[in-house]
N, C-alpha and C. Protein backbone atom coordinates (compact mmCIF):
# COMPACT_ATOMS: atom_id res chain seq x y z
N MET A 1 32.33 -25.17 4.24
CA MET A 1 33.08 -26.16 3.63
C MET A 1 33.53 -25.75 2.21
N ILE A 2 34.65 -26.21 1.83
CA ILE A 2 35.26 -25.86 0.51
C ILE A 2 34.86 -26.95 -0.46
N TYR A 3 34.34 -26.64 -1.63
CA TYR A 3 33.95 -27.55 -2.69
C TYR A 3 35.00 -27.66 -3.81
N LYS A 4 35.45 -26.56 -4.21
CA LYS A 4 36.43 -26.50 -5.32
C LYS A 4 37.27 -25.26 -5.30
N LEU A 5 38.51 -25.42 -5.63
CA LEU A 5 39.43 -24.21 -5.69
C LEU A 5 40.02 -24.10 -7.13
N THR A 6 40.07 -22.81 -7.52
CA THR A 6 40.63 -22.53 -8.85
C THR A 6 41.80 -21.53 -8.59
N GLY A 7 42.97 -21.92 -8.90
CA GLY A 7 44.11 -20.93 -8.55
C GLY A 7 45.30 -21.47 -9.27
N LYS A 8 46.39 -20.70 -9.09
CA LYS A 8 47.66 -21.08 -9.75
C LYS A 8 48.51 -21.90 -8.71
N ILE A 9 49.11 -22.90 -9.38
CA ILE A 9 49.96 -23.78 -8.56
C ILE A 9 51.34 -23.05 -8.26
N GLU A 10 51.48 -22.66 -7.05
CA GLU A 10 52.58 -21.87 -6.57
C GLU A 10 53.78 -22.89 -6.21
N ASP A 11 53.50 -23.89 -5.48
CA ASP A 11 54.43 -24.84 -5.15
C ASP A 11 53.99 -26.34 -5.15
N ILE A 12 54.90 -27.25 -5.50
CA ILE A 12 54.57 -28.68 -5.50
C ILE A 12 55.63 -29.31 -4.53
N PHE A 13 55.06 -29.87 -3.42
CA PHE A 13 55.77 -30.52 -2.49
C PHE A 13 55.67 -32.12 -2.59
N THR A 14 56.23 -32.83 -1.72
CA THR A 14 56.10 -34.30 -1.76
C THR A 14 54.77 -34.83 -1.92
N ASP A 15 53.89 -34.42 -1.00
CA ASP A 15 52.47 -34.92 -1.01
C ASP A 15 51.46 -33.82 -0.91
N THR A 16 51.94 -32.58 -1.16
CA THR A 16 50.92 -31.43 -1.11
C THR A 16 51.16 -30.41 -2.23
N LEU A 17 50.22 -29.63 -2.53
CA LEU A 17 50.33 -28.65 -3.46
C LEU A 17 50.14 -27.19 -2.78
N GLY A 18 50.73 -26.20 -3.25
CA GLY A 18 50.46 -24.84 -2.72
C GLY A 18 49.71 -24.16 -3.83
N ILE A 19 48.39 -23.85 -3.57
CA ILE A 19 47.58 -23.19 -4.56
C ILE A 19 47.25 -21.87 -4.11
N MET A 20 47.52 -20.94 -4.99
CA MET A 20 47.19 -19.41 -4.74
C MET A 20 45.85 -19.11 -5.36
N CYS A 21 44.87 -18.75 -4.54
CA CYS A 21 43.61 -18.32 -5.01
C CYS A 21 43.35 -16.87 -4.59
N GLY A 22 43.64 -16.00 -5.57
CA GLY A 22 43.64 -14.61 -5.21
C GLY A 22 44.84 -14.30 -4.31
N SER A 23 44.62 -13.65 -3.19
CA SER A 23 45.68 -13.35 -2.20
C SER A 23 45.93 -14.48 -1.13
N ILE A 24 45.14 -15.61 -1.20
CA ILE A 24 45.05 -16.70 -0.21
C ILE A 24 45.85 -17.82 -0.88
N GLY A 25 46.76 -18.43 -0.04
CA GLY A 25 47.43 -19.65 -0.38
C GLY A 25 46.85 -20.84 0.40
N TYR A 26 46.53 -21.95 -0.32
CA TYR A 26 46.08 -23.14 0.37
C TYR A 26 47.01 -24.22 0.19
N VAL A 27 47.11 -25.04 1.24
CA VAL A 27 47.99 -26.37 1.19
C VAL A 27 46.95 -27.41 0.92
N VAL A 28 47.12 -28.19 -0.17
CA VAL A 28 46.18 -29.19 -0.48
C VAL A 28 46.95 -30.53 -0.66
N TYR A 29 46.51 -31.59 0.02
CA TYR A 29 47.06 -32.91 -0.16
C TYR A 29 46.55 -33.37 -1.39
N ALA A 30 47.28 -34.33 -2.14
CA ALA A 30 46.78 -34.95 -3.27
C ALA A 30 47.46 -36.33 -3.51
N SER A 31 46.91 -37.13 -4.34
CA SER A 31 47.52 -38.43 -4.71
C SER A 31 48.60 -38.20 -5.63
N GLN A 32 49.44 -39.12 -5.77
CA GLN A 32 50.65 -39.00 -6.61
C GLN A 32 50.13 -38.84 -8.15
N LYS A 33 49.06 -39.59 -8.45
CA LYS A 33 48.38 -39.54 -9.64
C LYS A 33 48.02 -38.13 -10.13
N THR A 34 47.47 -37.47 -9.18
CA THR A 34 47.05 -36.10 -9.30
C THR A 34 48.22 -35.14 -9.40
N MET A 35 49.26 -35.34 -8.58
CA MET A 35 50.45 -34.54 -8.51
C MET A 35 51.19 -34.55 -9.94
N ILE A 36 51.25 -35.83 -10.53
CA ILE A 36 52.00 -35.93 -11.77
C ILE A 36 51.34 -35.02 -12.80
N GLN A 37 50.07 -34.90 -12.81
CA GLN A 37 49.28 -34.17 -13.88
C GLN A 37 49.41 -32.78 -13.72
N ILE A 38 50.02 -32.20 -12.61
CA ILE A 38 50.02 -30.80 -12.38
C ILE A 38 51.44 -30.20 -12.53
N GLN A 39 51.51 -29.01 -13.03
CA GLN A 39 52.87 -28.32 -13.07
C GLN A 39 52.79 -26.99 -12.44
N LYS A 40 53.95 -26.66 -11.84
CA LYS A 40 53.98 -25.43 -11.14
C LYS A 40 53.86 -24.29 -12.15
N GLY A 41 53.00 -23.24 -11.78
CA GLY A 41 52.85 -22.05 -12.47
C GLY A 41 51.44 -22.06 -13.36
N ILE A 42 50.89 -23.23 -13.43
CA ILE A 42 49.61 -23.30 -14.22
C ILE A 42 48.47 -23.01 -13.21
N THR A 43 47.25 -22.65 -13.91
CA THR A 43 46.05 -22.52 -13.05
C THR A 43 45.15 -23.70 -13.24
N VAL A 44 44.76 -24.11 -12.15
CA VAL A 44 43.97 -25.42 -12.17
C VAL A 44 42.62 -25.15 -11.31
N SER A 45 41.60 -26.07 -11.64
CA SER A 45 40.49 -26.14 -10.91
C SER A 45 40.48 -27.50 -10.29
N ILE A 46 40.41 -27.59 -9.05
CA ILE A 46 40.57 -28.90 -8.24
C ILE A 46 39.46 -29.05 -7.26
N TYR A 47 38.77 -30.23 -7.28
CA TYR A 47 37.77 -30.59 -6.36
C TYR A 47 38.42 -30.80 -4.97
N ILE A 48 37.67 -30.32 -4.08
CA ILE A 48 38.25 -30.44 -2.61
C ILE A 48 37.44 -31.28 -1.64
N GLU A 49 38.09 -32.08 -0.95
CA GLU A 49 37.44 -32.76 0.14
C GLU A 49 38.07 -32.03 1.42
N HIS A 50 37.17 -31.43 2.14
CA HIS A 50 37.43 -30.70 3.36
C HIS A 50 37.31 -31.62 4.62
N LEU A 51 38.42 -31.90 5.22
CA LEU A 51 38.45 -32.74 6.37
C LEU A 51 38.67 -32.00 7.70
N PHE A 52 37.82 -32.38 8.66
CA PHE A 52 38.10 -31.70 9.88
C PHE A 52 38.52 -32.71 10.92
N ARG A 53 39.57 -32.48 11.66
CA ARG A 53 40.14 -33.45 12.58
C ARG A 53 39.72 -33.18 14.00
N GLN A 54 39.87 -34.17 14.81
CA GLN A 54 39.46 -34.07 16.22
C GLN A 54 40.15 -32.94 17.03
N ASP A 55 41.38 -32.63 16.64
CA ASP A 55 42.03 -31.62 17.30
C ASP A 55 41.79 -30.19 16.68
N SER A 56 40.72 -30.15 15.96
CA SER A 56 40.07 -28.90 15.42
C SER A 56 40.99 -28.39 14.17
N SER A 57 41.90 -29.15 13.74
CA SER A 57 42.67 -28.71 12.47
C SER A 57 41.86 -29.16 11.28
N GLN A 58 42.21 -28.53 10.16
CA GLN A 58 41.46 -28.82 8.94
C GLN A 58 42.47 -29.24 7.87
N ILE A 59 42.04 -30.05 6.97
CA ILE A 59 42.94 -30.50 5.86
C ILE A 59 42.15 -30.53 4.61
N LEU A 60 42.81 -30.04 3.57
CA LEU A 60 42.11 -29.99 2.23
C LEU A 60 42.88 -31.07 1.43
N VAL A 61 42.02 -31.92 0.76
CA VAL A 61 42.58 -32.96 -0.13
C VAL A 61 41.98 -32.58 -1.63
N GLY A 62 42.88 -32.60 -2.61
CA GLY A 62 42.48 -32.10 -3.81
C GLY A 62 42.39 -33.28 -4.86
N PHE A 63 41.45 -33.17 -5.85
CA PHE A 63 41.22 -34.20 -6.95
C PHE A 63 40.99 -33.43 -8.19
N LEU A 64 41.55 -34.01 -9.32
CA LEU A 64 41.21 -33.40 -10.65
C LEU A 64 39.91 -33.83 -11.13
N ASP A 65 39.40 -35.08 -10.63
CA ASP A 65 38.10 -35.37 -11.13
C ASP A 65 37.20 -35.97 -9.91
N ILE A 66 35.97 -35.96 -10.20
CA ILE A 66 35.06 -36.32 -9.13
C ILE A 66 35.07 -37.82 -8.81
N ALA A 67 35.53 -38.58 -9.84
CA ALA A 67 35.57 -40.03 -9.55
C ALA A 67 36.62 -40.34 -8.51
N GLU A 68 37.75 -39.78 -8.60
CA GLU A 68 38.79 -40.07 -7.68
C GLU A 68 38.37 -39.48 -6.24
N GLN A 69 37.70 -38.45 -6.26
CA GLN A 69 37.12 -37.83 -5.02
C GLN A 69 36.25 -38.80 -4.35
N GLU A 70 35.31 -39.31 -5.05
CA GLU A 70 34.26 -40.25 -4.52
C GLU A 70 35.00 -41.58 -3.96
N CYS A 71 35.98 -42.05 -4.77
CA CYS A 71 36.69 -43.23 -4.33
C CYS A 71 37.52 -42.88 -2.94
N PHE A 72 38.02 -41.72 -2.84
CA PHE A 72 38.62 -41.30 -1.69
C PHE A 72 37.65 -41.36 -0.51
N LYS A 73 36.46 -40.76 -0.68
CA LYS A 73 35.47 -40.82 0.40
C LYS A 73 35.08 -42.20 0.79
N GLN A 74 34.88 -43.18 -0.25
CA GLN A 74 34.59 -44.54 0.11
C GLN A 74 35.69 -45.17 0.93
N LEU A 75 37.00 -45.00 0.51
CA LEU A 75 38.19 -45.48 1.21
C LEU A 75 38.19 -44.94 2.65
N MET A 76 37.91 -43.70 2.87
CA MET A 76 37.92 -43.12 4.16
C MET A 76 36.80 -43.61 5.05
N SER A 77 35.73 -44.17 4.48
CA SER A 77 34.71 -44.78 5.25
C SER A 77 34.97 -46.09 5.76
N VAL A 78 36.08 -46.70 5.38
CA VAL A 78 36.61 -47.91 5.96
C VAL A 78 37.29 -47.75 7.28
N GLN A 79 36.89 -48.54 8.20
CA GLN A 79 37.43 -48.41 9.53
C GLN A 79 38.96 -48.57 9.46
N GLY A 80 39.74 -47.77 10.08
CA GLY A 80 41.24 -47.82 10.13
C GLY A 80 41.86 -47.16 8.97
N ILE A 81 41.19 -46.66 8.03
CA ILE A 81 41.83 -46.04 6.81
C ILE A 81 41.79 -44.55 7.01
N GLY A 82 42.95 -44.00 6.96
CA GLY A 82 43.10 -42.56 7.03
C GLY A 82 43.52 -41.92 5.76
N LEU A 83 43.77 -40.54 5.93
CA LEU A 83 44.19 -39.82 4.69
C LEU A 83 45.40 -40.41 4.02
N ARG A 84 46.51 -40.77 4.70
CA ARG A 84 47.57 -41.27 3.92
C ARG A 84 47.36 -42.62 3.28
N SER A 85 46.64 -43.51 3.97
CA SER A 85 46.42 -44.78 3.30
C SER A 85 45.55 -44.59 2.11
N ALA A 86 44.48 -43.80 2.16
CA ALA A 86 43.54 -43.64 1.00
C ALA A 86 44.31 -43.04 -0.10
N LEU A 87 45.26 -42.01 0.15
CA LEU A 87 45.89 -41.40 -0.94
C LEU A 87 46.98 -42.33 -1.53
N SER A 88 47.51 -43.30 -0.68
CA SER A 88 48.47 -44.20 -1.17
C SER A 88 47.82 -45.18 -2.11
N ILE A 89 46.58 -45.57 -1.88
CA ILE A 89 45.93 -46.41 -2.75
C ILE A 89 45.58 -45.77 -4.10
N LEU A 90 45.09 -44.34 -3.89
CA LEU A 90 44.84 -43.67 -5.18
C LEU A 90 45.93 -43.26 -5.99
N SER A 91 47.23 -43.33 -5.28
CA SER A 91 48.31 -43.05 -6.02
C SER A 91 48.79 -44.25 -6.92
N LEU A 92 48.26 -45.37 -6.51
CA LEU A 92 48.55 -46.64 -7.26
C LEU A 92 47.58 -47.02 -8.25
N TYR A 93 46.28 -46.73 -7.94
CA TYR A 93 45.17 -47.17 -8.81
C TYR A 93 44.25 -45.97 -9.10
N THR A 94 43.83 -45.93 -10.51
CA THR A 94 42.77 -45.02 -10.91
C THR A 94 41.42 -45.62 -10.35
N PRO A 95 40.32 -44.79 -10.41
CA PRO A 95 39.06 -45.37 -9.88
C PRO A 95 38.64 -46.63 -10.59
N LYS A 96 38.93 -46.71 -11.89
CA LYS A 96 38.51 -47.89 -12.61
C LYS A 96 39.28 -49.12 -12.23
N GLN A 97 40.62 -48.93 -12.04
CA GLN A 97 41.46 -50.05 -11.61
C GLN A 97 41.01 -50.45 -10.16
N LEU A 98 40.82 -49.45 -9.21
CA LEU A 98 40.39 -49.87 -7.93
C LEU A 98 39.11 -50.68 -7.97
N LEU A 99 38.17 -50.31 -8.82
CA LEU A 99 36.98 -51.11 -8.84
C LEU A 99 37.22 -52.49 -9.24
N SER A 100 38.15 -52.59 -10.32
CA SER A 100 38.52 -54.04 -10.71
C SER A 100 39.10 -54.80 -9.62
N VAL A 101 40.00 -54.13 -8.89
CA VAL A 101 40.71 -54.84 -7.70
C VAL A 101 39.55 -55.34 -6.67
N ILE A 102 38.61 -54.40 -6.44
CA ILE A 102 37.62 -54.75 -5.43
C ILE A 102 36.66 -55.89 -5.92
N ILE A 103 36.37 -55.82 -7.25
CA ILE A 103 35.37 -56.85 -7.71
C ILE A 103 36.13 -58.14 -7.71
N ALA A 104 37.47 -58.18 -7.99
CA ALA A 104 38.13 -59.42 -8.10
C ALA A 104 38.54 -59.85 -6.68
N GLN A 105 38.39 -58.98 -5.69
CA GLN A 105 38.82 -59.29 -4.34
C GLN A 105 40.25 -59.65 -4.30
N ASP A 106 41.09 -58.75 -4.89
CA ASP A 106 42.55 -58.95 -5.13
C ASP A 106 43.35 -58.44 -3.94
N ILE A 107 43.53 -59.11 -2.86
CA ILE A 107 44.18 -58.70 -1.74
C ILE A 107 45.56 -58.42 -2.04
N LYS A 108 46.28 -59.17 -2.94
CA LYS A 108 47.65 -58.92 -3.23
C LYS A 108 47.98 -57.56 -3.88
N SER A 109 47.06 -57.30 -4.83
CA SER A 109 47.18 -56.04 -5.65
C SER A 109 46.94 -54.82 -4.58
N LEU A 110 45.96 -54.96 -3.78
CA LEU A 110 45.71 -53.89 -2.88
C LEU A 110 46.81 -53.61 -1.87
N SER A 111 47.48 -54.78 -1.49
CA SER A 111 48.62 -54.72 -0.41
C SER A 111 49.78 -54.03 -1.07
N LEU A 112 49.82 -53.76 -2.33
CA LEU A 112 50.95 -53.10 -2.89
C LEU A 112 51.06 -51.63 -2.60
N ALA A 113 49.95 -51.00 -2.17
CA ALA A 113 49.96 -49.63 -1.78
C ALA A 113 50.69 -49.41 -0.49
N ASP A 114 51.52 -48.37 -0.36
CA ASP A 114 52.14 -48.06 0.87
C ASP A 114 51.24 -48.17 2.10
N GLY A 115 51.73 -48.75 3.12
CA GLY A 115 51.01 -48.69 4.38
C GLY A 115 49.75 -49.74 4.48
N ILE A 116 49.57 -50.48 3.37
CA ILE A 116 48.34 -51.42 3.32
C ILE A 116 48.81 -52.79 3.44
N GLY A 117 48.68 -53.42 4.60
CA GLY A 117 49.03 -54.83 4.82
C GLY A 117 47.95 -55.72 4.39
N LYS A 118 48.05 -57.04 4.66
CA LYS A 118 47.10 -58.13 4.13
C LYS A 118 45.82 -57.83 4.89
N LYS A 119 45.86 -57.78 6.26
CA LYS A 119 44.60 -57.59 6.93
C LYS A 119 43.81 -56.27 6.63
N THR A 120 44.55 -55.20 6.38
CA THR A 120 43.83 -53.95 6.03
C THR A 120 43.30 -54.00 4.65
N ALA A 121 44.00 -54.67 3.69
CA ALA A 121 43.46 -54.95 2.42
C ALA A 121 42.13 -55.75 2.48
N GLU A 122 42.24 -56.83 3.23
CA GLU A 122 41.04 -57.66 3.42
C GLU A 122 39.88 -56.83 3.99
N ARG A 123 40.13 -55.98 4.91
CA ARG A 123 39.00 -55.21 5.49
C ARG A 123 38.47 -54.23 4.44
N ILE A 124 39.30 -53.61 3.68
CA ILE A 124 38.91 -52.64 2.58
C ILE A 124 37.94 -53.38 1.61
N LEU A 125 38.51 -54.56 1.14
CA LEU A 125 37.74 -55.30 0.07
C LEU A 125 36.44 -55.82 0.63
N LEU A 126 36.35 -56.14 2.01
CA LEU A 126 35.14 -56.72 2.46
C LEU A 126 34.06 -55.44 2.57
N GLU A 127 34.58 -54.44 3.11
CA GLU A 127 33.75 -53.36 3.38
C GLU A 127 33.22 -52.56 2.06
N LEU A 128 34.09 -52.59 0.96
CA LEU A 128 33.76 -51.85 -0.24
C LEU A 128 33.15 -52.81 -1.26
N LYS A 129 33.20 -54.03 -1.11
CA LYS A 129 32.47 -54.95 -2.20
C LYS A 129 30.96 -54.70 -2.20
N ASN A 130 30.44 -54.28 -1.05
CA ASN A 130 29.01 -54.02 -0.98
C ASN A 130 28.64 -52.58 -1.37
N LYS A 131 29.66 -51.79 -1.61
CA LYS A 131 29.44 -50.42 -2.00
C LYS A 131 29.96 -50.16 -3.44
N LEU A 132 29.96 -51.27 -4.25
CA LEU A 132 30.56 -51.00 -5.57
C LEU A 132 29.79 -50.05 -6.38
N LYS A 133 28.50 -49.91 -6.27
CA LYS A 133 27.82 -48.97 -7.08
C LYS A 133 28.06 -47.45 -6.67
N ASN A 134 28.65 -47.37 -5.48
CA ASN A 134 29.04 -46.03 -5.06
C ASN A 134 30.41 -45.53 -5.51
N LEU A 135 31.10 -46.47 -6.15
CA LEU A 135 32.42 -46.21 -6.76
C LEU A 135 32.28 -45.81 -8.21
N PRO A 136 32.55 -44.47 -8.49
CA PRO A 136 32.28 -44.00 -9.93
C PRO A 136 33.39 -44.41 -10.83
N THR A 137 33.02 -45.14 -11.92
CA THR A 137 33.83 -45.42 -13.00
C THR A 137 33.06 -45.36 -14.30
N LEU A 138 33.71 -45.64 -15.37
CA LEU A 138 32.88 -45.75 -16.60
C LEU A 138 31.92 -46.82 -16.56
N ALA A 139 32.07 -47.87 -15.74
CA ALA A 139 31.07 -48.82 -15.80
C ALA A 139 29.79 -48.46 -15.04
N TYR A 140 29.82 -47.45 -14.12
CA TYR A 140 28.72 -47.12 -13.37
C TYR A 140 28.15 -45.74 -13.58
N ASN A 141 28.98 -44.78 -14.14
CA ASN A 141 28.47 -43.55 -14.48
C ASN A 141 27.96 -43.31 -15.84
N ASN A 142 27.93 -44.40 -16.57
CA ASN A 142 27.42 -44.45 -17.94
C ASN A 142 26.25 -45.38 -17.93
N THR A 143 25.03 -45.03 -18.38
CA THR A 143 23.95 -45.86 -18.15
C THR A 143 24.02 -47.00 -19.19
N ALA A 144 24.53 -46.87 -20.51
CA ALA A 144 24.83 -47.91 -21.34
C ALA A 144 25.76 -49.03 -20.66
N ASN A 145 26.76 -48.62 -20.05
CA ASN A 145 27.65 -49.56 -19.45
C ASN A 145 27.00 -50.37 -18.30
N THR A 146 26.22 -49.64 -17.43
CA THR A 146 25.53 -50.20 -16.46
C THR A 146 24.54 -51.20 -16.84
N ASP A 147 23.68 -50.84 -17.91
CA ASP A 147 22.84 -51.80 -18.53
C ASP A 147 23.47 -53.01 -19.06
N ALA A 148 24.62 -52.73 -19.87
CA ALA A 148 25.32 -53.83 -20.41
C ALA A 148 25.89 -54.84 -19.41
N LEU A 149 26.32 -54.23 -18.26
CA LEU A 149 26.86 -55.22 -17.23
C LEU A 149 25.77 -55.95 -16.69
N THR A 150 24.60 -55.45 -16.37
CA THR A 150 23.40 -56.22 -15.92
C THR A 150 23.00 -57.31 -16.90
N ALA A 151 22.99 -56.95 -18.22
CA ALA A 151 22.61 -57.92 -19.15
C ALA A 151 23.59 -59.04 -19.37
N LEU A 152 24.83 -58.79 -19.32
CA LEU A 152 25.89 -59.85 -19.33
C LEU A 152 25.81 -60.76 -18.17
N GLU A 153 25.51 -60.11 -16.99
CA GLU A 153 25.40 -61.03 -15.83
C GLU A 153 24.15 -61.96 -15.94
N VAL A 154 23.01 -61.50 -16.55
CA VAL A 154 21.87 -62.29 -16.78
C VAL A 154 22.21 -63.42 -17.72
N LEU A 155 23.12 -63.06 -18.69
CA LEU A 155 23.50 -64.03 -19.63
C LEU A 155 24.44 -65.16 -19.22
N GLY A 156 24.89 -64.88 -17.84
CA GLY A 156 25.79 -65.85 -17.19
C GLY A 156 27.29 -65.55 -17.22
N PHE A 157 27.60 -64.29 -17.73
CA PHE A 157 28.98 -64.10 -17.74
C PHE A 157 29.42 -63.45 -16.40
N SER A 158 30.67 -63.72 -15.92
CA SER A 158 31.05 -63.25 -14.64
C SER A 158 31.14 -61.69 -14.67
N LYS A 159 30.82 -61.15 -13.51
CA LYS A 159 30.92 -59.56 -13.33
C LYS A 159 32.41 -59.13 -13.57
N VAL A 160 33.33 -59.87 -12.94
CA VAL A 160 34.76 -59.43 -13.21
C VAL A 160 35.14 -59.37 -14.62
N ASP A 161 34.86 -60.44 -15.37
CA ASP A 161 35.28 -60.44 -16.80
C ASP A 161 34.55 -59.34 -17.65
N SER A 162 33.19 -59.23 -17.35
CA SER A 162 32.42 -58.38 -18.09
C SER A 162 32.85 -56.88 -17.85
N LEU A 163 33.20 -56.54 -16.53
CA LEU A 163 33.52 -55.31 -16.20
C LEU A 163 34.94 -54.94 -16.81
N LYS A 164 35.81 -55.97 -16.90
CA LYS A 164 37.08 -55.74 -17.44
C LYS A 164 36.93 -55.23 -19.00
N TYR A 165 36.12 -55.87 -19.76
CA TYR A 165 35.98 -55.64 -21.05
C TYR A 165 35.09 -54.40 -21.32
N ILE A 166 34.16 -54.14 -20.46
CA ILE A 166 33.36 -52.95 -20.53
C ILE A 166 34.29 -51.66 -20.44
N GLN A 167 35.15 -51.74 -19.52
CA GLN A 167 36.06 -50.65 -19.30
C GLN A 167 37.03 -50.36 -20.43
N GLU A 168 37.25 -51.42 -21.26
CA GLU A 168 38.09 -51.20 -22.46
C GLU A 168 37.35 -50.64 -23.60
N ALA A 169 35.89 -50.66 -23.56
CA ALA A 169 35.20 -50.10 -24.65
C ALA A 169 35.17 -48.69 -24.73
N PRO A 170 35.08 -48.19 -26.00
CA PRO A 170 35.00 -46.67 -26.14
C PRO A 170 33.72 -46.21 -25.31
N ASP A 171 33.80 -44.92 -24.84
CA ASP A 171 32.81 -44.25 -23.99
C ASP A 171 31.45 -43.97 -24.62
N ASN A 172 31.36 -43.88 -26.02
CA ASN A 172 30.22 -43.33 -26.71
C ASN A 172 29.33 -44.58 -27.22
N LEU A 173 29.56 -45.80 -26.78
CA LEU A 173 28.81 -46.84 -27.38
C LEU A 173 27.47 -46.96 -26.70
N SER A 174 26.46 -47.45 -27.39
CA SER A 174 25.21 -47.81 -26.91
C SER A 174 25.22 -49.06 -26.01
N THR A 175 24.18 -49.44 -25.36
CA THR A 175 24.06 -50.61 -24.66
C THR A 175 24.43 -51.86 -25.50
N GLU A 176 23.75 -51.96 -26.68
CA GLU A 176 23.95 -53.02 -27.50
C GLU A 176 25.42 -53.16 -28.09
N GLN A 177 25.96 -51.98 -28.38
CA GLN A 177 27.35 -52.03 -28.88
C GLN A 177 28.26 -52.36 -27.96
N THR A 178 27.99 -51.90 -26.63
CA THR A 178 28.92 -52.33 -25.48
C THR A 178 28.81 -53.83 -25.25
N ILE A 179 27.70 -54.42 -25.28
CA ILE A 179 27.49 -55.81 -25.18
C ILE A 179 28.17 -56.63 -26.36
N GLN A 180 28.04 -56.09 -27.45
CA GLN A 180 28.75 -56.70 -28.68
C GLN A 180 30.22 -56.69 -28.42
N HIS A 181 30.73 -55.64 -28.10
CA HIS A 181 32.24 -55.38 -27.84
C HIS A 181 32.68 -56.44 -26.78
N VAL A 182 32.03 -56.61 -25.76
CA VAL A 182 32.41 -57.58 -24.63
C VAL A 182 32.38 -59.00 -25.24
N LEU A 183 31.21 -59.23 -25.87
CA LEU A 183 31.14 -60.63 -26.40
C LEU A 183 32.21 -60.96 -27.33
N LYS A 184 32.70 -60.04 -28.21
CA LYS A 184 33.65 -60.26 -29.12
C LYS A 184 35.02 -60.50 -28.22
N ARG A 185 35.35 -59.64 -27.31
CA ARG A 185 36.50 -59.84 -26.50
C ARG A 185 36.45 -61.10 -25.63
N ILE A 186 35.35 -61.48 -25.01
CA ILE A 186 35.25 -62.81 -24.31
C ILE A 186 35.54 -63.93 -25.30
N GLY A 187 34.95 -63.85 -26.57
CA GLY A 187 35.11 -64.90 -27.55
C GLY A 187 36.63 -65.01 -27.90
N LYS A 188 37.31 -63.98 -28.07
CA LYS A 188 38.82 -64.01 -28.45
C LYS A 188 39.65 -64.64 -27.37
N THR A 189 39.22 -64.49 -26.11
CA THR A 189 40.08 -64.96 -25.04
C THR A 189 39.73 -66.37 -24.65
N SER A 190 38.63 -66.85 -25.15
CA SER A 190 38.22 -68.36 -24.88
C SER A 190 38.87 -69.34 -25.76
N TYR A 191 39.61 -68.91 -26.61
CA TYR A 191 40.28 -69.84 -27.67
C TYR A 191 41.57 -70.27 -27.01
């Protein structure tokens, strides 16, 4: 299995990249958010999800960060979601935004992704709401943010509102500072 590729971007196509690693060229699928950040001729290190199909073919899917890769894996775990649907969602939403959509159970926003209808959006939201801790974002890969979210829930604040304001907070805050930031933001919006 391939974990990561480091090489020169030889070609950029509609939904794939041509990456030269030494004398071998790889075709790698990627979300539009990833494709926008890449330029032809530069050298990149890209995380790879190596998929094996029933017809024995193999597909490489590339991600600039592990958070997007983990979200892709979670989306692919939903029944009926394939490569194109998962990449369509990740082309529209960052991992943080996707987490907010799932917490809010926002069918309308999820349905904006190409190929995702209302029933598919409902299935994704239903299956992923129980896997929220598996979706990497600032709210969950930072211990201070995780602790702050738990504390705010204990204080009676909604998870959706708390998460929204936690995601706006700077990355380097302590648990106490993160809670203070959220309380200030919630206080300003309640007037």
